[in-house]
Amino acid sequence: MKKLLFILLSSLFLSNIALAGMSDADKKKAYDCSGIYMANYFLPSGEEFEYSMKEKSMASVKVLKTYALEIGIKEKEWDDGVNKGVDKYYGSKYDKAKTESCHAFLNKLVPDGEERVKKVIQTLY
């Protein structure tokens, strides 16, 4: 009986750790990056960019959201955070340094992040 209780409690504890896979700081950075990526997609007219950057930005937003949902973040919580990021960056000019920083963050945060982004890009059209 003690073994069964121990296994049950251990399972609950470990599942709670698995669901807490993104710290508050990582969430904030992910929300900001989503805002930056969305701003990249909706650049003001006259802004110069490579079309592939827009594709990668949209795919990155999708990969971040999918990962957040996989690790147990509620969709409403995620969407609310992303909306704040979008409000913060929407209409801003393309910032290559911020975008590259977000790519590095995504690749560090999401297992196989770069590959997942590439797969999503292939499904955009």
Protein backbone atom coordinates (compact mmCIF):
# COMPACT_ATOMS: atom_id res chain seq x y z
CA MET A 1 0.00 0.00 0.00
CA LYS A 2 2.84 2.41 0.84
CA LYS A 3 4.50 1.69 -2.49
CA LEU A 4 1.28 2.40 -4.36
CA LEU A 5 0.77 5.66 -2.47
CA PHE A 6 4.40 6.65 -3.11
CA ILE A 7 4.09 5.93 -6.84
CA LEU A 8 0.83 7.87 -7.07
CA LEU A 9 2.23 10.91 -5.26
CA SER A 10 5.45 10.78 -7.27
CA SER A 11 3.47 10.71 -10.51
CA LEU A 12 1.42 13.73 -9.48
CA PHE A 13 4.53 15.64 -8.44
CA LEU A 14 6.38 14.85 -11.67
CA SER A 15 3.40 15.74 -13.85
CA ASN A 16 3.17 19.13 -12.12
CA ILE A 17 6.85 19.75 -12.83
CA ALA A 18 6.34 18.82 -16.49
CA LEU A 19 3.44 21.26 -16.81
CA ALA A 20 5.53 24.08 -15.41
CA GLY A 21 7.91 23.89 -18.36
CA MET A 22 8.08 27.63 -18.99
CA SER A 23 9.14 30.13 -16.36
CA ASP A 24 7.41 33.50 -16.07
CA ALA A 25 10.50 35.14 -17.59
CA ASP A 26 10.36 32.72 -20.55
CA LYS A 27 6.64 33.40 -20.99
CA LYS A 28 7.27 37.15 -21.07
CA LYS A 29 10.05 36.72 -23.63
CA ALA A 30 7.86 34.37 -25.70
CA TYR A 31 5.00 36.90 -25.65
CA ASP A 32 7.38 39.67 -26.70
CA CYS A 33 8.86 37.51 -29.44
CA SER A 34 5.38 36.68 -30.71
CA GLY A 35 4.68 40.41 -30.84
CA ILE A 36 7.92 41.04 -32.72
CA TYR A 37 7.16 38.21 -35.15
CA MET A 38 3.63 39.54 -35.78
CA ALA A 39 5.01 43.06 -36.30
CA ASN A 40 7.41 41.57 -38.85
CA TYR A 41 4.52 40.03 -40.71
CA PHE A 42 2.53 43.26 -40.79
CA LEU A 43 5.36 45.67 -41.58
CA PRO A 44 4.33 49.18 -42.58
CA SER A 45 4.46 49.99 -46.27
CA GLY A 46 7.85 51.11 -47.47
CA GLU A 47 9.72 48.87 -45.04
CA GLU A 48 12.33 46.67 -46.71
CA PHE A 49 12.43 42.99 -45.86
CA GLU A 50 12.92 39.53 -47.31
CA TYR A 51 9.72 37.58 -47.82
CA SER A 52 11.27 34.51 -46.19
CA MET A 53 11.57 36.54 -42.96
CA LYS A 54 7.79 36.98 -42.90
CA GLU A 55 7.29 33.24 -43.42
CA LYS A 56 9.72 32.39 -40.63
CA SER A 57 8.07 34.92 -38.33
CA MET A 58 4.59 33.45 -38.82
CA ALA A 59 5.86 29.91 -38.43
CA SER A 60 7.69 30.88 -35.25
CA VAL A 61 4.49 32.30 -33.72
CA LYS A 62 2.73 29.02 -34.45
CA VAL A 63 5.57 26.90 -33.03
CA LEU A 64 5.71 28.95 -29.81
CA LYS A 65 1.95 28.62 -29.29
CA THR A 66 1.92 24.91 -30.06
CA TYR A 67 4.76 24.33 -27.61
CA ALA A 68 3.05 26.40 -24.91
CA LEU A 69 -0.13 24.35 -25.27
CA GLU A 70 1.89 21.11 -25.25
CA ILE A 71 3.44 21.95 -21.89
CA GLY A 72 0.11 22.86 -20.33
CA ILE A 73 -0.26 26.61 -20.64
CA LYS A 74 -3.92 27.47 -21.06
CA GLU A 75 -4.79 28.83 -24.50
CA LYS A 76 -6.54 31.91 -23.09
CA GLU A 77 -3.53 32.75 -20.92
CA TRP A 78 -1.24 32.36 -23.94
CA ASP A 79 -3.45 34.41 -26.24
CA ASP A 80 -3.78 37.20 -23.66
CA GLY A 81 0.00 37.37 -23.24
CA VAL A 82 0.62 37.35 -26.98
CA ASN A 83 -1.94 40.13 -27.47
CA LYS A 84 0.06 42.29 -25.07
CA GLY A 85 3.22 41.55 -27.07
CA VAL A 86 1.46 42.39 -30.32
CA ASP A 87 0.15 45.66 -28.85
CA LYS A 88 3.69 46.52 -27.76
CA TYR A 89 5.37 45.94 -31.14
CA TYR A 90 2.64 46.29 -33.79
CA GLY A 91 3.52 48.94 -36.35
CA SER A 92 7.20 49.05 -35.43
CA LYS A 93 9.98 48.88 -37.98
CA TYR A 94 11.83 45.65 -38.69
CA ASP A 95 14.54 45.11 -36.10
CA LYS A 96 16.95 42.42 -37.26
CA ALA A 97 18.73 42.18 -33.88
CA LYS A 98 15.48 41.62 -31.96
CA THR A 99 14.27 39.12 -34.52
CA GLU A 100 17.52 37.14 -34.40
CA SER A 101 17.41 37.21 -30.60
CA CYS A 102 13.91 35.75 -30.74
CA HIS A 103 15.03 33.01 -33.13
CA ALA A 104 17.82 32.06 -30.71
CA PHE A 105 15.37 32.11 -27.79
CA LEU A 106 12.86 29.89 -29.61
CA ASN A 107 15.57 27.40 -30.58
CA LYS A 108 16.74 27.23 -26.96
CA LEU A 109 13.24 27.00 -25.44
CA VAL A 110 11.46 24.61 -27.81
CA PRO A 111 12.89 21.14 -28.35
CA ASP A 112 13.79 20.84 -32.05
CA GLY A 113 12.53 24.40 -32.45
CA GLU A 114 14.40 25.16 -35.65
CA GLU A 115 13.17 21.97 -37.32
CA ARG A 116 9.61 22.61 -36.17
CA VAL A 117 9.71 26.10 -37.68
CA LYS A 118 10.99 24.70 -40.99
CA LYS A 119 8.16 22.15 -41.07
CA VAL A 120 5.54 24.83 -40.45
CA ILE A 121 7.01 27.03 -43.19
CA GLN A 122 6.50 24.16 -45.63
CA THR A 123 2.79 24.02 -44.75
CA LEU A 124 2.06 27.74 -45.16
CA TYR A 125 1.15 27.50 -48.83
